[in-house]
Amino acid sequence: MRHLKAGNRLGVTTAHRRAMMRNMVTSILEYG
C-alpha cells in the first residue's frame, strides 16, 4: 500500500481533508 501513501501526498488528501473539515464543522454546528 505504498502507492496509496504516495498518491495521498500529491495533494489528493488536501481536497479530501477540506471536505472532511467541512463535514466536521457542519456536524458541530448542527449538534452544537
PDB file of N, CA and C in Angstrom:
ATOM      1  N   MET A   1       0.839  -1.204   0.000  1.00  0.00           N
ATOM      2  CA  MET A   1       0.000   0.000   0.000  1.00  0.00           C
ATOM      3  C   MET A   1       0.876   1.258   0.000  1.00  0.00           C
ATOM      4  N   ARG A   2       2.066   1.141  -0.541  1.00  0.00           N
ATOM      5  CA  ARG A   2       2.952   2.320  -0.572  1.00  0.00           C
ATOM      6  C   ARG A   2       2.429   3.325  -1.583  1.00  0.00           C
ATOM      7  N   HIS A   3       1.935   2.838  -2.712  1.00  0.00           N
ATOM      8  CA  HIS A   3       1.456   3.758  -3.746  1.00  0.00           C
ATOM      9  C   HIS A   3       0.289   4.610  -3.211  1.00  0.00           C
ATOM     10  N   LEU A   4      -0.464   4.059  -2.292  1.00  0.00           N
ATOM     11  CA  LEU A   4      -1.585   4.827  -1.741  1.00  0.00           C
ATOM     12  C   LEU A   4      -1.066   6.062  -1.006  1.00  0.00           C
ATOM     13  N   LYS A   5      -0.049   5.849  -0.176  1.00  0.00           N
ATOM     14  CA  LYS A   5       0.515   6.982   0.579  1.00  0.00           C
ATOM     15  C   LYS A   5       1.102   8.005  -0.380  1.00  0.00           C
ATOM     16  N   ALA A   6       1.787   7.530  -1.403  1.00  0.00           N
ATOM     17  CA  ALA A   6       2.410   8.441  -2.381  1.00  0.00           C
ATOM     18  C   ALA A   6       1.323   9.280  -3.052  1.00  0.00           C
ATOM     19  N   GLY A   7       0.239   8.640  -3.444  1.00  0.00           N
ATOM     20  CA  GLY A   7      -0.847   9.367  -4.109  1.00  0.00           C
ATOM     21  C   GLY A   7      -1.448  10.395  -3.164  1.00  0.00           C
ATOM     22  N   ASN A   8      -1.583  10.035  -1.903  1.00  0.00           N
ATOM     23  CA  ASN A   8      -2.160  10.975  -0.936  1.00  0.00           C
ATOM     24  C   ASN A   8      -1.267  12.199  -0.768  1.00  0.00           C
ATOM     25  N   ARG A   9       0.032  11.991  -0.915  1.00  0.00           N
ATOM     26  CA  ARG A   9       0.977  13.111  -0.703  1.00  0.00           C
ATOM     27  C   ARG A   9       0.895  14.093  -1.875  1.00  0.00           C
ATOM     28  N   LEU A  10       0.367  13.663  -2.999  1.00  0.00           N
ATOM     29  CA  LEU A  10       0.343  14.542  -4.180  1.00  0.00           C
ATOM     30  C   LEU A  10      -0.656  15.687  -4.010  1.00  0.00           C
ATOM     31  N   GLY A  11      -1.415  15.671  -2.944  1.00  0.00           N
ATOM     32  CA  GLY A  11      -2.368  16.761  -2.732  1.00  0.00           C
ATOM     33  C   GLY A  11      -3.806  16.268  -2.809  1.00  0.00           C
ATOM     34  N   VAL A  12      -3.985  14.999  -3.105  1.00  0.00           N
ATOM     35  CA  VAL A  12      -5.355  14.468  -3.184  1.00  0.00           C
ATOM     36  C   VAL A  12      -5.996  14.540  -1.799  1.00  0.00           C
ATOM     37  N   THR A  13      -5.180  14.369  -0.783  1.00  0.00           N
ATOM     38  CA  THR A  13      -5.709  14.394   0.587  1.00  0.00           C
ATOM     39  C   THR A  13      -6.133  15.808   0.967  1.00  0.00           C
ATOM     40  N   THR A  14      -5.465  16.786   0.394  1.00  0.00           N
ATOM     41  CA  THR A  14      -5.814  18.173   0.730  1.00  0.00           C
ATOM     42  C   THR A  14      -7.287  18.423   0.417  1.00  0.00           C
ATOM     43  N   ALA A  15      -7.698  18.057  -0.773  1.00  0.00           N
ATOM     44  CA  ALA A  15      -9.097  18.259  -1.161  1.00  0.00           C
ATOM     45  C   ALA A  15      -9.989  17.401  -0.263  1.00  0.00           C
ATOM     46  N   HIS A  16      -9.573  16.171  -0.029  1.00  0.00           N
ATOM     47  CA  HIS A  16     -10.374  15.267   0.805  1.00  0.00           C
ATOM     48  C   HIS A  16     -10.475  15.824   2.223  1.00  0.00           C
ATOM     49  N   ARG A  17      -9.348  16.336   2.706  1.00  0.00           N
ATOM     50  CA  ARG A  17      -9.334  16.875   4.068  1.00  0.00           C
ATOM     51  C   ARG A  17     -10.280  18.072   4.158  1.00  0.00           C
ATOM     52  N   ARG A  18     -10.294  18.867   3.114  1.00  0.00           N
ATOM     53  CA  ARG A  18     -11.187  20.045   3.101  1.00  0.00           C
ATOM     54  C   ARG A  18     -12.632  19.580   3.258  1.00  0.00           C
ATOM     55  N   ALA A  19     -13.017  18.562   2.507  1.00  0.00           N
ATOM     56  CA  ALA A  19     -14.395  18.060   2.569  1.00  0.00           C
ATOM     57  C   ALA A  19     -14.678  17.532   3.974  1.00  0.00           C
ATOM     58  N   MET A  20     -13.721  16.806   4.534  1.00  0.00           N
ATOM     59  CA  MET A  20     -13.911  16.234   5.873  1.00  0.00           C
ATOM     60  C   MET A  20     -14.069  17.353   6.908  1.00  0.00           C
ATOM     61  N   MET A  21     -13.229  18.384   6.770  1.00  0.00           N
ATOM     62  CA  MET A  21     -13.313  19.501   7.720  1.00  0.00           C
ATOM     63  C   MET A  21     -14.679  20.173   7.620  1.00  0.00           C
ATOM     64  N   ARG A  22     -15.138  20.317   6.383  1.00  0.00           N
ATOM     65  CA  ARG A  22     -16.440  20.965   6.179  1.00  0.00           C
ATOM     66  C   ARG A  22     -17.525  20.115   6.852  1.00  0.00           C
ATOM     67  N   ASN A  23     -17.471  18.815   6.670  1.00  0.00           N
ATOM     68  CA  ASN A  23     -18.459  17.924   7.285  1.00  0.00           C
ATOM     69  C   ASN A  23     -18.404  18.058   8.802  1.00  0.00           C
ATOM     70  N   MET A  24     -17.181  18.125   9.321  1.00  0.00           N
ATOM     71  CA  MET A  24     -17.000  18.239  10.769  1.00  0.00           C
ATOM     72  C   MET A  24     -17.658  19.520  11.280  1.00  0.00           C
ATOM     73  N   VAL A  25     -17.379  20.616  10.594  1.00  0.00           N
ATOM     74  CA  VAL A  25     -17.937  21.912  11.001  1.00  0.00           C
ATOM     75  C   VAL A  25     -19.461  21.877  10.938  1.00  0.00           C
ATOM     76  N   THR A  26     -19.983  21.322   9.867  1.00  0.00           N
ATOM     77  CA  THR A  26     -21.449  21.266   9.732  1.00  0.00           C
ATOM     78  C   THR A  26     -22.033  20.420  10.862  1.00  0.00           C
ATOM     79  N   SER A  27     -21.377  19.319  11.172  1.00  0.00           N
ATOM     80  CA  SER A  27     -21.869  18.444  12.238  1.00  0.00           C
ATOM     81  C   SER A  27     -21.861  19.193  13.566  1.00  0.00           C
ATOM     82  N   ILE A  28     -20.776  19.882  13.831  1.00  0.00           N
ATOM     83  CA  ILE A  28     -20.671  20.623  15.095  1.00  0.00           C
ATOM     84  C   ILE A  28     -21.761  21.689  15.170  1.00  0.00           C
ATOM     85  N   LEU A  29     -21.972  22.386  14.061  1.00  0.00           N
ATOM     86  CA  LEU A  29     -22.995  23.439  14.045  1.00  0.00           C
ATOM     87  C   LEU A  29     -24.380  22.825  14.240  1.00  0.00           C
ATOM     88  N   GLU A  30     -24.581  21.658  13.658  1.00  0.00           N
ATOM     89  CA  GLU A  30     -25.901  21.013  13.766  1.00  0.00           C
ATOM     90  C   GLU A  30     -26.138  20.484  15.175  1.00  0.00           C
ATOM     91  N   TYR A  31     -25.118  19.829  15.748  1.00  0.00           N
ATOM     92  CA  TYR A  31     -25.289  19.244  17.084  1.00  0.00           C
ATOM     93  C   TYR A  31     -24.948  20.230  18.194  1.00  0.00           C
ATOM     94  N   GLY A  32     -24.114  21.227  17.851  1.00  0.00           N
ATOM     95  CA  GLY A  32     -23.688  22.193  18.876  1.00  0.00           C
ATOM     96  C   GLY A  32     -24.874  22.975  19.399  1.00  0.00           C
TER      97      GLY A  32
END
